[in-house]
Amino acid sequence: MFNSDIATYVKQVNYYEDMSKFAKLGLWIIQCLGGDIDDIETLIGEYPTLQSKRELTEDDLELIEFAKENGLKYKITNKGIKIIA
């Protein structure tokens, strides 16, 4: 598990919790006006989940091999491989 994955997950959860407060108010208003929305997830989406593992793509593996051949350091991040000179 990458530290950045956990940080991203925590930010998503905090955002979801903040949005759920406004969604409860919106849900209450919609129901008072006769709307047929029953749950908050309809308004703001599903609760965020933590992805357990990121799979390396073929491009990622090629970049790792390139870095090893040229004596460069690399770092695996959420967005892919980062080559450090």
PDB file of N, CA and C in Angstrom:
ATOM      1  N   MET A   1       0.842  -1.171   0.000  1.00  0.00           N
ATOM      2  CA  MET A   1       0.000   0.000   0.000  1.00  0.00           C
ATOM      3  C   MET A   1       0.891   1.238   0.000  1.00  0.00           C
ATOM      4  N   PHE A   2       0.619   2.145  -0.868  1.00  0.00           N
ATOM      5  CA  PHE A   2       1.396   3.372  -0.972  1.00  0.00           C
ATOM      6  C   PHE A   2       0.848   4.413  -0.002  1.00  0.00           C
ATOM      7  N   ASN A   3       1.738   5.221   0.567  1.00  0.00           N
ATOM      8  CA  ASN A   3       1.306   6.274   1.484  1.00  0.00           C
ATOM      9  C   ASN A   3       0.400   7.270   0.786  1.00  0.00           C
ATOM     10  N   SER A   4       0.678   7.540  -0.483  1.00  0.00           N
ATOM     11  CA  SER A   4      -0.156   8.489  -1.220  1.00  0.00           C
ATOM     12  C   SER A   4      -1.557   7.925  -1.449  1.00  0.00           C
ATOM     13  N   ASP A   5      -1.674   6.587  -1.565  1.00  0.00           N
ATOM     14  CA  ASP A   5      -2.998   5.970  -1.688  1.00  0.00           C
ATOM     15  C   ASP A   5      -3.825   6.235  -0.438  1.00  0.00           C
ATOM     16  N   ILE A   6      -3.184   6.076   0.707  1.00  0.00           N
ATOM     17  CA  ILE A   6      -3.883   6.280   1.972  1.00  0.00           C
ATOM     18  C   ILE A   6      -4.261   7.747   2.138  1.00  0.00           C
ATOM     19  N   ALA A   7      -3.360   8.650   1.789  1.00  0.00           N
ATOM     20  CA  ALA A   7      -3.650  10.083   1.896  1.00  0.00           C
ATOM     21  C   ALA A   7      -4.802  10.471   0.975  1.00  0.00           C
ATOM     22  N   THR A   8      -4.807   9.943  -0.231  1.00  0.00           N
ATOM     23  CA  THR A   8      -5.888  10.215  -1.176  1.00  0.00           C
ATOM     24  C   THR A   8      -7.208   9.678  -0.648  1.00  0.00           C
ATOM     25  N   TYR A   9      -7.164   8.481  -0.088  1.00  0.00           N
ATOM     26  CA  TYR A   9      -8.371   7.871   0.469  1.00  0.00           C
ATOM     27  C   TYR A   9      -8.931   8.714   1.613  1.00  0.00           C
ATOM     28  N   VAL A  10      -8.062   9.183   2.497  1.00  0.00           N
ATOM     29  CA  VAL A  10      -8.500  10.005   3.629  1.00  0.00           C
ATOM     30  C   VAL A  10      -9.139  11.295   3.129  1.00  0.00           C
ATOM     31  N   LYS A  11      -8.554  11.914   2.106  1.00  0.00           N
ATOM     32  CA  LYS A  11      -9.141  13.137   1.545  1.00  0.00           C
ATOM     33  C   LYS A  11     -10.505  12.854   0.923  1.00  0.00           C
ATOM     34  N   GLN A  12     -10.627  11.709   0.236  1.00  0.00           N
ATOM     35  CA  GLN A  12     -11.908  11.350  -0.368  1.00  0.00           C
ATOM     36  C   GLN A  12     -12.970  11.117   0.698  1.00  0.00           C
ATOM     37  N   VAL A  13     -12.595  10.458   1.789  1.00  0.00           N
ATOM     38  CA  VAL A  13     -13.540  10.203   2.877  1.00  0.00           C
ATOM     39  C   VAL A  13     -13.958  11.514   3.534  1.00  0.00           C
ATOM     40  N   ASN A  14     -13.001  12.394   3.791  1.00  0.00           N
ATOM     41  CA  ASN A  14     -13.332  13.694   4.388  1.00  0.00           C
ATOM     42  C   ASN A  14     -14.259  14.492   3.486  1.00  0.00           C
ATOM     43  N   TYR A  15     -13.983  14.493   2.186  1.00  0.00           N
ATOM     44  CA  TYR A  15     -14.832  15.203   1.232  1.00  0.00           C
ATOM     45  C   TYR A  15     -16.233  14.597   1.219  1.00  0.00           C
ATOM     46  N   TYR A  16     -16.300  13.259   1.220  1.00  0.00           N
ATOM     47  CA  TYR A  16     -17.595  12.578   1.201  1.00  0.00           C
ATOM     48  C   TYR A  16     -18.399  12.927   2.453  1.00  0.00           C
ATOM     49  N   GLU A  17     -17.731  12.940   3.610  1.00  0.00           N
ATOM     50  CA  GLU A  17     -18.428  13.269   4.855  1.00  0.00           C
ATOM     51  C   GLU A  17     -18.920  14.713   4.852  1.00  0.00           C
ATOM     52  N   ASP A  18     -18.113  15.626   4.319  1.00  0.00           N
ATOM     53  CA  ASP A  18     -18.548  17.023   4.215  1.00  0.00           C
ATOM     54  C   ASP A  18     -19.731  17.156   3.265  1.00  0.00           C
ATOM     55  N   MET A  19     -19.657  16.479   2.138  1.00  0.00           N
ATOM     56  CA  MET A  19     -20.740  16.554   1.154  1.00  0.00           C
ATOM     57  C   MET A  19     -22.009  15.891   1.673  1.00  0.00           C
ATOM     58  N   SER A  20     -21.865  14.864   2.511  1.00  0.00           N
ATOM     59  CA  SER A  20     -23.052  14.178   3.019  1.00  0.00           C
ATOM     60  C   SER A  20     -23.881  15.099   3.914  1.00  0.00           C
ATOM     61  N   LYS A  21     -23.233  16.045   4.586  1.00  0.00           N
ATOM     62  CA  LYS A  21     -23.975  17.007   5.409  1.00  0.00           C
ATOM     63  C   LYS A  21     -24.896  17.856   4.533  1.00  0.00           C
ATOM     64  N   PHE A  22     -24.365  18.341   3.420  1.00  0.00           N
ATOM     65  CA  PHE A  22     -25.174  19.138   2.501  1.00  0.00           C
ATOM     66  C   PHE A  22     -26.195  18.265   1.771  1.00  0.00           C
ATOM     67  N   ALA A  23     -25.814  17.023   1.507  1.00  0.00           N
ATOM     68  CA  ALA A  23     -26.730  16.119   0.817  1.00  0.00           C
ATOM     69  C   ALA A  23     -27.934  15.794   1.694  1.00  0.00           C
ATOM     70  N   LYS A  24     -27.722  15.679   3.003  1.00  0.00           N
ATOM     71  CA  LYS A  24     -28.855  15.427   3.910  1.00  0.00           C
ATOM     72  C   LYS A  24     -29.843  16.583   3.858  1.00  0.00           C
ATOM     73  N   LEU A  25     -29.320  17.794   3.842  1.00  0.00           N
ATOM     74  CA  LEU A  25     -30.183  18.970   3.733  1.00  0.00           C
ATOM     75  C   LEU A  25     -30.907  18.972   2.385  1.00  0.00           C
ATOM     76  N   GLY A  26     -30.158  18.701   1.315  1.00  0.00           N
ATOM     77  CA  GLY A  26     -30.764  18.645  -0.013  1.00  0.00           C
ATOM     78  C   GLY A  26     -31.808  17.551  -0.120  1.00  0.00           C
ATOM     79  N   LEU A  27     -31.527  16.401   0.479  1.00  0.00           N
ATOM     80  CA  LEU A  27     -32.475  15.287   0.466  1.00  0.00           C
ATOM     81  C   LEU A  27     -33.753  15.667   1.202  1.00  0.00           C
ATOM     82  N   TRP A  28     -33.598  16.326   2.331  1.00  0.00           N
ATOM     83  CA  TRP A  28     -34.755  16.762   3.109  1.00  0.00           C
ATOM     84  C   TRP A  28     -35.602  17.749   2.302  1.00  0.00           C
ATOM     85  N   ILE A  29     -34.945  18.702   1.628  1.00  0.00           N
ATOM     86  CA  ILE A  29     -35.670  19.695   0.823  1.00  0.00           C
ATOM     87  C   ILE A  29     -36.386  19.025  -0.344  1.00  0.00           C
ATOM     88  N   ILE A  30     -35.688  18.112  -1.015  1.00  0.00           N
ATOM     89  CA  ILE A  30     -36.299  17.422  -2.158  1.00  0.00           C
ATOM     90  C   ILE A  30     -37.502  16.602  -1.715  1.00  0.00           C
ATOM     91  N   GLN A  31     -37.379  15.916  -0.572  1.00  0.00           N
ATOM     92  CA  GLN A  31     -38.500  15.119  -0.080  1.00  0.00           C
ATOM     93  C   GLN A  31     -39.671  16.001   0.338  1.00  0.00           C
ATOM     94  N   CYS A  32     -39.386  17.175   0.899  1.00  0.00           N
ATOM     95  CA  CYS A  32     -40.463  18.102   1.266  1.00  0.00           C
ATOM     96  C   CYS A  32     -41.192  18.633   0.036  1.00  0.00           C
ATOM     97  N   LEU A  33     -40.471  18.750  -1.063  1.00  0.00           N
ATOM     98  CA  LEU A  33     -41.082  19.232  -2.303  1.00  0.00           C
ATOM     99  C   LEU A  33     -41.729  18.113  -3.108  1.00  0.00           C
ATOM    100  N   GLY A  34     -41.709  16.901  -2.575  1.00  0.00           N
ATOM    101  CA  GLY A  34     -42.383  15.792  -3.233  1.00  0.00           C
ATOM    102  C   GLY A  34     -41.488  14.938  -4.104  1.00  0.00           C
ATOM    103  N   GLY A  35     -40.193  15.093  -3.988  1.00  0.00           N
ATOM    104  CA  GLY A  35     -39.271  14.273  -4.775  1.00  0.00           C
ATOM    105  C   GLY A  35     -39.235  12.839  -4.270  1.00  0.00           C
ATOM    106  N   ASP A  36     -38.752  11.950  -5.109  1.00  0.00           N
ATOM    107  CA  ASP A  36     -38.746  10.533  -4.737  1.00  0.00           C
ATOM    108  C   ASP A  36     -37.330   9.971  -4.550  1.00  0.00           C
ATOM    109  N   ILE A  37     -36.405  10.783  -4.085  1.00  0.00           N
ATOM    110  CA  ILE A  37     -35.046  10.316  -3.806  1.00  0.00           C
ATOM    111  C   ILE A  37     -35.023   9.764  -2.386  1.00  0.00           C
ATOM    112  N   ASP A  38     -34.524   8.536  -2.241  1.00  0.00           N
ATOM    113  CA  ASP A  38     -34.581   7.873  -0.942  1.00  0.00           C
ATOM    114  C   ASP A  38     -33.267   7.865  -0.175  1.00  0.00           C
ATOM    115  N   ASP A  39     -32.143   8.011  -0.868  1.00  0.00           N
ATOM    116  CA  ASP A  39     -30.874   7.904  -0.151  1.00  0.00           C
ATOM    117  C   ASP A  39     -29.869   8.944  -0.641  1.00  0.00           C
ATOM    118  N   ILE A  40     -28.881   9.189   0.198  1.00  0.00           N
ATOM    119  CA  ILE A  40     -27.861  10.197  -0.089  1.00  0.00           C
ATOM    120  C   ILE A  40     -26.985   9.778  -1.264  1.00  0.00           C
ATOM    121  N   GLU A  41     -26.748   8.466  -1.404  1.00  0.00           N
ATOM    122  CA  GLU A  41     -25.874   7.983  -2.469  1.00  0.00           C
ATOM    123  C   GLU A  41     -26.382   8.373  -3.852  1.00  0.00           C
ATOM    124  N   THR A  42     -27.678   8.561  -3.980  1.00  0.00           N
ATOM    125  CA  THR A  42     -28.242   9.009  -5.253  1.00  0.00           C
ATOM    126  C   THR A  42     -27.748  10.413  -5.593  1.00  0.00           C
ATOM    127  N   LEU A  43     -27.541  11.229  -4.575  1.00  0.00           N
ATOM    128  CA  LEU A  43     -27.107  12.609  -4.795  1.00  0.00           C
ATOM    129  C   LEU A  43     -25.596  12.744  -4.948  1.00  0.00           C
ATOM    130  N   ILE A  44     -24.820  12.041  -4.107  1.00  0.00           N
ATOM    131  CA  ILE A  44     -23.371  12.276  -4.098  1.00  0.00           C
ATOM    132  C   ILE A  44     -22.536  11.052  -4.436  1.00  0.00           C
ATOM    133  N   GLY A  45     -23.140   9.928  -4.735  1.00  0.00           N
ATOM    134  CA  GLY A  45     -22.373   8.748  -5.119  1.00  0.00           C
ATOM    135  C   GLY A  45     -22.064   7.836  -3.942  1.00  0.00           C
ATOM    136  N   GLU A  46     -21.372   6.753  -4.243  1.00  0.00           N
ATOM    137  CA  GLU A  46     -21.044   5.744  -3.241  1.00  0.00           C
ATOM    138  C   GLU A  46     -19.922   6.208  -2.326  1.00  0.00           C
ATOM    139  N   TYR A  47     -19.854   5.605  -1.146  1.00  0.00           N
ATOM    140  CA  TYR A  47     -18.790   5.878  -0.186  1.00  0.00           C
ATOM    141  C   TYR A  47     -17.464   5.427  -0.786  1.00  0.00           C
ATOM    142  N   PRO A  48     -16.410   6.220  -0.676  1.00  0.00           N
ATOM    143  CA  PRO A  48     -15.127   5.844  -1.285  1.00  0.00           C
ATOM    144  C   PRO A  48     -14.535   4.589  -0.643  1.00  0.00           C
ATOM    145  N   THR A  49     -13.841   3.801  -1.456  1.00  0.00           N
ATOM    146  CA  THR A  49     -13.183   2.595  -0.958  1.00  0.00           C
ATOM    147  C   THR A  49     -11.695   2.697  -1.220  1.00  0.00           C
ATOM    148  N   LEU A  50     -10.931   2.009  -0.400  1.00  0.00           N
ATOM    149  CA  LEU A  50      -9.482   1.989  -0.535  1.00  0.00           C
ATOM    150  C   LEU A  50      -9.099   0.826  -1.433  1.00  0.00           C
ATOM    151  N   GLN A  51      -8.429   1.137  -2.525  1.00  0.00           N
ATOM    152  CA  GLN A  51      -7.975   0.080  -3.420  1.00  0.00           C
ATOM    153  C   GLN A  51      -6.756  -0.575  -2.801  1.00  0.00           C
ATOM    154  N   SER A  52      -6.759  -1.899  -2.775  1.00  0.00           N
ATOM    155  CA  SER A  52      -5.711  -2.604  -2.052  1.00  0.00           C
ATOM    156  C   SER A  52      -4.386  -2.642  -2.793  1.00  0.00           C
ATOM    157  N   LYS A  53      -4.409  -2.667  -4.114  1.00  0.00           N
ATOM    158  CA  LYS A  53      -3.153  -2.818  -4.836  1.00  0.00           C
ATOM    159  C   LYS A  53      -3.271  -2.190  -6.217  1.00  0.00           C
ATOM    160  N   ARG A  54      -2.219  -1.565  -6.641  1.00  0.00           N
ATOM    161  CA  ARG A  54      -2.164  -0.998  -7.983  1.00  0.00           C
ATOM    162  C   ARG A  54      -1.346  -1.932  -8.850  1.00  0.00           C
ATOM    163  N   GLU A  55      -1.895  -2.354  -9.954  1.00  0.00           N
ATOM    164  CA  GLU A  55      -1.198  -3.247 -10.875  1.00  0.00           C
ATOM    165  C   GLU A  55      -0.286  -2.430 -11.783  1.00  0.00           C
ATOM    166  N   LEU A  56       0.922  -2.921 -11.983  1.00  0.00           N
ATOM    167  CA  LEU A  56       1.854  -2.255 -12.895  1.00  0.00           C
ATOM    168  C   LEU A  56       1.490  -2.609 -14.334  1.00  0.00           C
ATOM    169  N   THR A  57       1.489  -1.610 -15.186  1.00  0.00           N
ATOM    170  CA  THR A  57       1.188  -1.833 -16.594  1.00  0.00           C
ATOM    171  C   THR A  57       2.467  -2.209 -17.337  1.00  0.00           C
ATOM    172  N   GLU A  58       2.313  -2.566 -18.584  1.00  0.00           N
ATOM    173  CA  GLU A  58       3.471  -2.912 -19.416  1.00  0.00           C
ATOM    174  C   GLU A  58       4.397  -1.705 -19.569  1.00  0.00           C
ATOM    175  N   ASP A  59       3.822  -0.519 -19.713  1.00  0.00           N
ATOM    176  CA  ASP A  59       4.631   0.706 -19.803  1.00  0.00           C
ATOM    177  C   ASP A  59       5.423   0.942 -18.519  1.00  0.00           C
ATOM    178  N   ASP A  60       4.784   0.684 -17.378  1.00  0.00           N
ATOM    179  CA  ASP A  60       5.483   0.835 -16.101  1.00  0.00           C
ATOM    180  C   ASP A  60       6.677  -0.107 -16.017  1.00  0.00           C
ATOM    181  N   LEU A  61       6.475  -1.346 -16.422  1.00  0.00           N
ATOM    182  CA  LEU A  61       7.562  -2.327 -16.378  1.00  0.00           C
ATOM    183  C   LEU A  61       8.702  -1.940 -17.314  1.00  0.00           C
ATOM    184  N   GLU A  62       8.360  -1.388 -18.479  1.00  0.00           N
ATOM    185  CA  GLU A  62       9.393  -0.935 -19.416  1.00  0.00           C
ATOM    186  C   GLU A  62      10.191   0.228 -18.825  1.00  0.00           C
ATOM    187  N   LEU A  63       9.518   1.151 -18.148  1.00  0.00           N
ATOM    188  CA  LEU A  63      10.216   2.269 -17.515  1.00  0.00           C
ATOM    189  C   LEU A  63      11.134   1.794 -16.388  1.00  0.00           C
ATOM    190  N   ILE A  64      10.697   0.809 -15.627  1.00  0.00           N
ATOM    191  CA  ILE A  64      11.537   0.258 -14.563  1.00  0.00           C
ATOM    192  C   ILE A  64      12.779  -0.386 -15.156  1.00  0.00           C
ATOM    193  N   GLU A  65      12.596  -1.152 -16.223  1.00  0.00           N
ATOM    194  CA  GLU A  65      13.734  -1.801 -16.881  1.00  0.00           C
ATOM    195  C   GLU A  65      14.694  -0.757 -17.455  1.00  0.00           C
ATOM    196  N   PHE A  66      14.147   0.298 -18.067  1.00  0.00           N
ATOM    197  CA  PHE A  66      14.968   1.378 -18.607  1.00  0.00           C
ATOM    198  C   PHE A  66      15.791   2.037 -17.497  1.00  0.00           C
ATOM    199  N   ALA A  67      15.152   2.290 -16.357  1.00  0.00           N
ATOM    200  CA  ALA A  67      15.847   2.924 -15.234  1.00  0.00           C
ATOM    201  C   ALA A  67      16.963   2.030 -14.707  1.00  0.00           C
ATOM    202  N   LYS A  68      16.710   0.737 -14.627  1.00  0.00           N
ATOM    203  CA  LYS A  68      17.732  -0.196 -14.143  1.00  0.00           C
ATOM    204  C   LYS A  68      18.915  -0.262 -15.103  1.00  0.00           C
ATOM    205  N   GLU A  69      18.632  -0.300 -16.410  1.00  0.00           N
ATOM    206  CA  GLU A  69      19.695  -0.387 -17.415  1.00  0.00           C
ATOM    207  C   GLU A  69      20.581   0.855 -17.411  1.00  0.00           C
ATOM    208  N   ASN A  70      19.999   2.004 -17.134  1.00  0.00           N
ATOM    209  CA  ASN A  70      20.740   3.266 -17.183  1.00  0.00           C
ATOM    210  C   ASN A  70      21.205   3.749 -15.811  1.00  0.00           C
ATOM    211  N   GLY A  71      21.031   2.928 -14.796  1.00  0.00           N
ATOM    212  CA  GLY A  71      21.499   3.282 -13.462  1.00  0.00           C
ATOM    213  C   GLY A  71      20.722   4.408 -12.807  1.00  0.00           C
ATOM    214  N   LEU A  72      19.473   4.562 -13.177  1.00  0.00           N
ATOM    215  CA  LEU A  72      18.633   5.610 -12.599  1.00  0.00           C
ATOM    216  C   LEU A  72      17.777   5.037 -11.474  1.00  0.00           C
ATOM    217  N   LYS A  73      17.398   5.892 -10.560  1.00  0.00           N
ATOM    218  CA  LYS A  73      16.496   5.483  -9.489  1.00  0.00           C
ATOM    219  C   LYS A  73      15.069   5.747  -9.941  1.00  0.00           C
ATOM    220  N   TYR A  74      14.146   4.948  -9.444  1.00  0.00           N
ATOM    221  CA  TYR A  74      12.738   5.128  -9.794  1.00  0.00           C
ATOM    222  C   TYR A  74      11.881   4.951  -8.551  1.00  0.00           C
ATOM    223  N   LYS A  75      10.674   5.493  -8.644  1.00  0.00           N
ATOM    224  CA  LYS A  75       9.733   5.410  -7.540  1.00  0.00           C
ATOM    225  C   LYS A  75       8.363   5.067  -8.109  1.00  0.00           C
ATOM    226  N   ILE A  76       7.683   4.128  -7.481  1.00  0.00           N
ATOM    227  CA  ILE A  76       6.343   3.741  -7.916  1.00  0.00           C
ATOM    228  C   ILE A  76       5.339   4.626  -7.180  1.00  0.00           C
ATOM    229  N   THR A  77       4.505   5.335  -7.943  1.00  0.00           N
ATOM    230  CA  THR A  77       3.512   6.237  -7.362  1.00  0.00           C
ATOM    231  C   THR A  77       2.120   5.820  -7.812  1.00  0.00           C
ATOM    232  N   ASN A  78       1.118   6.550  -7.346  1.00  0.00           N
ATOM    233  CA  ASN A  78      -0.262   6.282  -7.763  1.00  0.00           C
ATOM    234  C   ASN A  78      -0.451   6.445  -9.261  1.00  0.00           C
ATOM    235  N   LYS A  79       0.247   7.405  -9.821  1.00  0.00           N
ATOM    236  CA  LYS A  79       0.048   7.739 -11.228  1.00  0.00           C
ATOM    237  C   LYS A  79       0.986   6.989 -12.155  1.00  0.00           C
ATOM    238  N   GLY A  80       1.872   6.181 -11.617  1.00  0.00           N
ATOM    239  CA  GLY A  80       2.803   5.434 -12.460  1.00  0.00           C
ATOM    240  C   GLY A  80       4.197   5.431 -11.875  1.00  0.00           C
ATOM    241  N   ILE A  81       5.175   5.354 -12.753  1.00  0.00           N
ATOM    242  CA  ILE A  81       6.573   5.301 -12.353  1.00  0.00           C
ATOM    243  C   ILE A  81       7.182   6.689 -12.495  1.00  0.00           C
ATOM    244  N   LYS A  82       7.926   7.098 -11.472  1.00  0.00           N
ATOM    245  CA  LYS A  82       8.611   8.385 -11.501  1.00  0.00           C
ATOM    246  C   LYS A  82      10.105   8.098 -11.493  1.00  0.00           C
ATOM    247  N   ILE A  83      10.810   8.520 -12.544  1.00  0.00           N
ATOM    248  CA  ILE A  83      12.251   8.304 -12.642  1.00  0.00           C
ATOM    249  C   ILE A  83      12.956   9.502 -12.036  1.00  0.00           C
ATOM    250  N   ILE A  84      13.863   9.200 -11.108  1.00  0.00           N
ATOM    251  CA  ILE A  84      14.610  10.238 -10.406  1.00  0.00           C
ATOM    252  C   ILE A  84      16.041  10.208 -10.907  1.00  0.00           C
ATOM    253  N   ALA A  85      16.547  11.334 -11.413  1.00  0.00           N
ATOM    254  CA  ALA A  85      17.905  11.379 -11.971  1.00  0.00           C
ATOM    255  C   ALA A  85      18.955  11.411 -10.897  1.00  0.00           C
TER     256      ALA A  85
END
